Amino acid sequence: MLNFYRISWNNLIGQSLAIAKRTPFIIAFLKSYLTPFKTLHNTVVSYKLDVEYRLRHNSQVCYLRKLVNDKFDSSLRRITIEDGTRYDRLFIYQQAENKPLFLLKFIQQQSAYDNAVDFVVKLNGVVLDNNKLNRLKAYLDFYKLASKKYRIE
């Protein structure tokens, strides 16, 4: 695949000028003239790489773990993601519905369902200040599914 984003600015200047016009003064002038274009080009390329990185990741646990470890613990990779404490809801049917239900243990309180989370992000000794913790939450909120809840330990 061709890389259309790779530009050799010095070669571009040299190849665009006629041989008679290739004086050091004109080449230096054109290099200084192209500086804003180089800056804009570098901005576009870095944005392209950032978008490609975002597109390579989704809400799967392996990608979330890789993303979080890449951003916040790239050397030791101690951050893990584990299953949460999501309970299956227990439905009690009416007698007219003809679906018998036997309660063997006990019915969970409603708060157990409301406070349950789908996954837990464990930092395992990684110390994050408030700014990095907010960035971690923002990354998780961006990549997780909308219906999923999480907790950071």
Protein backbone atom coordinates (compact mmCIF):
# COMPACT_ATOMS: atom_id res chain seq x y z
CA MET A 1 0.00 0.00 0.00
CA LEU A 2 1.32 3.41 -0.90
CA ASN A 3 1.94 5.91 1.84
CA PHE A 4 0.55 9.17 0.55
CA TYR A 5 1.32 11.00 3.78
CA ARG A 6 5.10 10.73 3.55
CA ILE A 7 6.50 13.89 1.99
CA SER A 8 10.16 14.80 1.65
CA TRP A 9 9.95 18.57 1.79
CA ASN A 10 13.57 19.17 0.78
CA ASN A 11 13.20 16.95 -2.30
CA LEU A 12 9.93 18.68 -3.15
CA ILE A 13 11.62 22.08 -3.13
CA GLY A 14 14.59 20.84 -5.11
CA GLN A 15 12.52 19.09 -7.76
CA SER A 16 10.06 21.94 -8.18
CA LEU A 17 12.70 24.55 -8.99
CA ALA A 18 14.41 24.96 -12.30
CA ILE A 19 18.13 24.19 -12.17
CA ALA A 20 19.04 27.82 -12.76
CA LYS A 21 16.91 28.95 -9.77
CA ARG A 22 18.41 26.49 -7.25
CA THR A 23 20.47 29.01 -5.35
CA PRO A 24 20.98 28.67 -1.59
CA PHE A 25 19.02 31.88 -0.98
CA ILE A 26 15.93 30.73 -2.91
CA ILE A 27 16.04 27.25 -1.37
CA ALA A 28 16.28 28.75 2.16
CA PHE A 29 13.44 31.17 1.35
CA LEU A 30 11.19 28.36 0.12
CA LYS A 31 12.03 26.20 3.16
CA SER A 32 10.97 29.03 5.47
CA TYR A 33 7.88 29.62 3.32
CA LEU A 34 6.83 25.95 3.65
CA THR A 35 7.20 25.81 7.45
CA PRO A 36 3.45 26.39 8.14
CA PHE A 37 2.60 23.66 5.62
CA LYS A 38 4.99 21.26 7.36
CA THR A 39 3.35 22.03 10.71
CA LEU A 40 -0.14 21.53 9.29
CA HIS A 41 0.94 18.32 7.59
CA ASN A 42 2.40 16.95 10.85
CA THR A 43 -0.87 17.82 12.62
CA VAL A 44 -2.92 15.95 10.02
CA VAL A 45 -0.63 12.91 10.16
CA SER A 46 -0.75 12.76 13.98
CA TYR A 47 -4.56 13.08 13.86
CA LYS A 48 -4.69 10.26 11.29
CA LEU A 49 -2.59 8.01 13.53
CA ASP A 50 -4.79 8.84 16.54
CA VAL A 51 -7.97 7.97 14.64
CA GLU A 52 -6.46 4.72 13.38
CA TYR A 53 -5.50 3.83 16.97
CA ARG A 54 -9.06 4.51 18.14
CA LEU A 55 -10.52 2.41 15.35
CA ARG A 56 -8.34 -0.57 16.24
CA HIS A 57 -9.89 -0.76 19.73
CA ASN A 58 -13.43 -1.55 20.82
CA SER A 59 -15.24 -2.57 23.98
CA GLN A 60 -13.84 -6.09 24.24
CA VAL A 61 -12.03 -6.78 27.49
CA CYS A 62 -8.69 -7.57 25.83
CA TYR A 63 -8.71 -4.26 23.93
CA LEU A 64 -9.83 -2.26 26.97
CA ARG A 65 -7.03 -3.80 29.04
CA LYS A 66 -4.47 -3.06 26.31
CA LEU A 67 -5.69 0.51 25.92
CA VAL A 68 -5.62 1.27 29.64
CA ASN A 69 -2.21 -0.33 30.10
CA ASP A 70 -0.80 1.52 27.06
CA LYS A 71 -1.91 4.87 28.46
CA PHE A 72 -1.30 4.50 32.18
CA ASP A 73 1.14 1.62 32.86
CA SER A 74 3.03 0.88 29.67
CA SER A 75 6.11 -0.68 31.25
CA LEU A 76 4.73 -3.08 33.90
CA ARG A 77 1.15 -3.53 32.56
CA ARG A 78 -0.38 -4.18 35.99
CA ILE A 79 -3.91 -2.95 35.27
CA THR A 80 -6.42 -5.77 34.84
CA ILE A 81 -10.13 -5.97 34.04
CA GLU A 82 -12.26 -8.59 35.75
CA ASP A 83 -15.92 -9.56 35.68
CA GLY A 84 -18.19 -7.58 37.91
CA THR A 85 -20.90 -8.55 40.36
CA ARG A 86 -23.85 -8.42 38.00
CA TYR A 87 -26.71 -10.55 39.25
CA ASP A 88 -29.32 -12.16 37.07
CA ARG A 89 -32.69 -10.69 37.92
CA LEU A 90 -35.12 -13.02 39.58
CA PHE A 91 -38.64 -12.72 38.25
CA ILE A 92 -41.65 -13.92 40.18
CA TYR A 93 -44.59 -14.87 38.01
CA GLN A 94 -48.28 -14.56 38.74
CA GLN A 95 -50.36 -17.66 39.18
CA ALA A 96 -52.29 -16.96 35.97
CA GLU A 97 -49.09 -17.07 33.91
CA ASN A 98 -48.68 -20.74 34.81
CA LYS A 99 -44.90 -20.52 35.32
CA PRO A 100 -43.97 -21.97 38.70
CA LEU A 101 -40.99 -20.56 40.50
CA PHE A 102 -39.40 -22.11 43.57
CA LEU A 103 -37.36 -19.84 45.81
CA LEU A 104 -34.55 -21.89 47.23
CA LYS A 105 -32.40 -19.27 48.91
CA PHE A 106 -33.40 -15.64 49.24
CA ILE A 107 -34.29 -12.74 47.02
CA GLN A 108 -31.61 -10.10 46.62
CA GLN A 109 -32.43 -6.60 47.69
CA GLN A 110 -33.12 -4.08 44.92
CA SER A 111 -29.95 -2.17 45.87
CA ALA A 112 -27.87 -5.23 44.97
CA TYR A 113 -29.13 -4.93 41.42
CA ASP A 114 -28.64 -1.18 41.22
CA ASN A 115 -25.08 -1.16 42.62
CA ALA A 116 -23.90 -4.13 40.60
CA VAL A 117 -21.26 -3.52 37.92
CA ASP A 118 -20.45 -5.38 34.73
CA PHE A 119 -16.67 -5.17 35.08
CA VAL A 120 -14.07 -4.04 37.58
CA VAL A 121 -10.86 -2.24 36.61
CA LYS A 122 -8.16 -3.21 39.11
CA LEU A 123 -5.14 -0.91 39.29
CA ASN A 124 -2.95 -3.43 41.23
CA GLY A 125 -0.53 -0.93 42.75
CA VAL A 126 -0.71 1.72 40.02
CA VAL A 127 -1.04 5.12 41.68
CA LEU A 128 -3.04 7.68 39.69
CA ASP A 129 -3.64 11.27 40.69
CA ASN A 130 -7.06 12.90 40.13
CA ASN A 131 -6.17 14.13 36.65
CA LYS A 132 -5.05 10.69 35.45
CA LEU A 133 -7.99 9.02 37.17
CA ASN A 134 -10.37 11.33 35.29
CA ARG A 135 -8.55 10.51 32.04
CA LEU A 136 -8.90 6.80 32.82
CA LYS A 137 -12.65 7.25 33.35
CA ALA A 138 -12.90 9.20 30.09
CA TYR A 139 -11.10 6.45 28.14
CA LEU A 140 -13.30 3.77 29.68
CA ASP A 141 -16.47 5.79 29.00
CA PHE A 142 -15.40 6.33 25.38
CA TYR A 143 -14.71 2.67 24.63
CA LYS A 144 -17.18 0.72 26.79
CA LEU A 145 -20.68 -0.14 25.67
CA ALA A 146 -23.29 2.37 26.75
CA SER A 147 -25.22 -0.10 28.91
CA LYS A 148 -22.20 -1.32 30.89
CA LYS A 149 -21.26 -0.13 34.36
CA TYR A 150 -17.80 -0.36 35.90
CA ARG A 151 -15.93 0.30 39.08
CA ILE A 152 -12.26 1.23 39.57
CA GLU A 153 -10.42 -0.40 42.46
